[in-house]
């Protein structure tokens, strides 16, 4: 499974992701249900950190944010 697919699955799957945008070193993600986000799985996929604020998440992935966002969009 690709890193993008692992991250999408850990975010609760396509149905849980409302919006996803890259921002320099992170993915800004809005989710339907924050309780479906698996931070352990995100870290296992190589995510550096997760910052939560309600239904909004910042998933810190480093300089590959643009590429990962594009790969995740391709999976959706």
Protein backbone atom coordinates (compact mmCIF):
# COMPACT_ATOMS: atom_id res chain seq x y z
CA UNK A 1 0.00 0.00 0.00
CA UNK A 2 1.36 3.44 -0.90
CA UNK A 3 2.05 6.10 1.72
CA UNK A 4 -0.83 8.17 0.29
CA UNK A 5 -3.20 5.20 0.60
CA UNK A 6 -2.07 4.55 4.19
CA UNK A 7 -2.66 8.19 5.12
CA UNK A 8 -6.09 8.27 3.46
CA UNK A 9 -7.10 5.07 5.28
CA UNK A 10 -5.83 6.45 8.62
CA UNK A 11 -7.87 9.61 8.06
CA UNK A 12 -10.98 7.43 8.09
CA UNK A 13 -11.14 6.80 4.36
CA UNK A 14 -12.36 8.88 1.45
CA UNK A 15 -15.88 9.23 2.89
CA UNK A 16 -14.48 10.89 6.03
CA UNK A 17 -12.28 13.43 4.20
CA UNK A 18 -14.22 16.60 3.37
CA UNK A 19 -11.28 18.70 2.15
CA UNK A 20 -7.53 18.21 1.81
CA UNK A 21 -4.95 20.82 0.80
CA UNK A 22 -1.15 20.89 0.96
CA UNK A 23 0.51 23.73 2.86
CA UNK A 24 4.32 23.69 2.66
CA UNK A 25 5.16 20.80 5.06
CA UNK A 26 1.68 19.71 6.06
CA UNK A 27 -1.66 18.54 4.80
CA UNK A 28 -4.58 20.63 5.98
CA UNK A 29 -7.47 18.22 6.27
CA UNK A 30 -11.12 18.73 7.17
CA UNK A 31 -12.89 15.54 8.24
CA UNK A 32 -16.52 14.55 8.75
CA UNK A 33 -15.86 12.61 11.99
CA UNK A 34 -12.60 13.30 13.87
CA UNK A 35 -13.05 10.14 15.98
CA UNK A 36 -12.41 8.03 12.85
CA UNK A 37 -8.87 9.44 12.46
CA UNK A 38 -6.25 6.89 13.58
CA UNK A 39 -3.17 8.84 14.75
CA UNK A 40 -1.21 5.64 15.45
CA UNK A 41 -1.72 4.53 11.84
CA UNK A 42 -0.79 8.01 10.59
CA UNK A 43 2.50 7.87 12.51
CA UNK A 44 3.10 4.32 11.22
CA UNK A 45 2.69 5.72 7.69
CA UNK A 46 5.50 8.19 8.35
CA UNK A 47 3.55 11.25 9.51
CA UNK A 48 5.67 13.47 11.78
CA UNK A 49 2.83 14.96 13.84
CA UNK A 50 -0.92 15.58 13.89
CA UNK A 51 -2.43 18.83 15.16
CA UNK A 52 -6.18 18.66 15.82
CA UNK A 53 -8.63 21.53 16.07
CA UNK A 54 -12.21 20.24 15.95
CA UNK A 55 -12.87 18.80 12.48
CA UNK A 56 -9.68 20.38 11.10
CA UNK A 57 -6.35 18.56 11.18
CA UNK A 58 -2.85 19.52 10.22
CA UNK A 59 -0.97 16.39 9.25
CA UNK A 60 2.75 17.21 9.27
CA UNK A 61 4.50 15.20 6.56
CA UNK A 62 7.52 17.31 5.63
CA UNK A 63 8.50 18.61 2.18
CA UNK A 64 6.53 15.90 0.34
CA UNK A 65 3.17 17.52 1.24
CA UNK A 66 2.36 18.62 -2.33
CA UNK A 67 3.14 15.21 -3.78
CA UNK A 68 1.19 13.35 -1.09
CA UNK A 69 -1.83 15.65 -1.48
CA UNK A 70 -1.82 15.01 -5.23
CA UNK A 71 -1.46 11.23 -4.72
CA UNK A 72 -4.31 11.21 -2.17
CA UNK A 73 -6.56 13.19 -4.54
CA UNK A 74 -5.80 10.61 -7.25
CA UNK A 75 -7.08 7.90 -4.88
CA UNK A 76 -10.33 9.75 -4.14
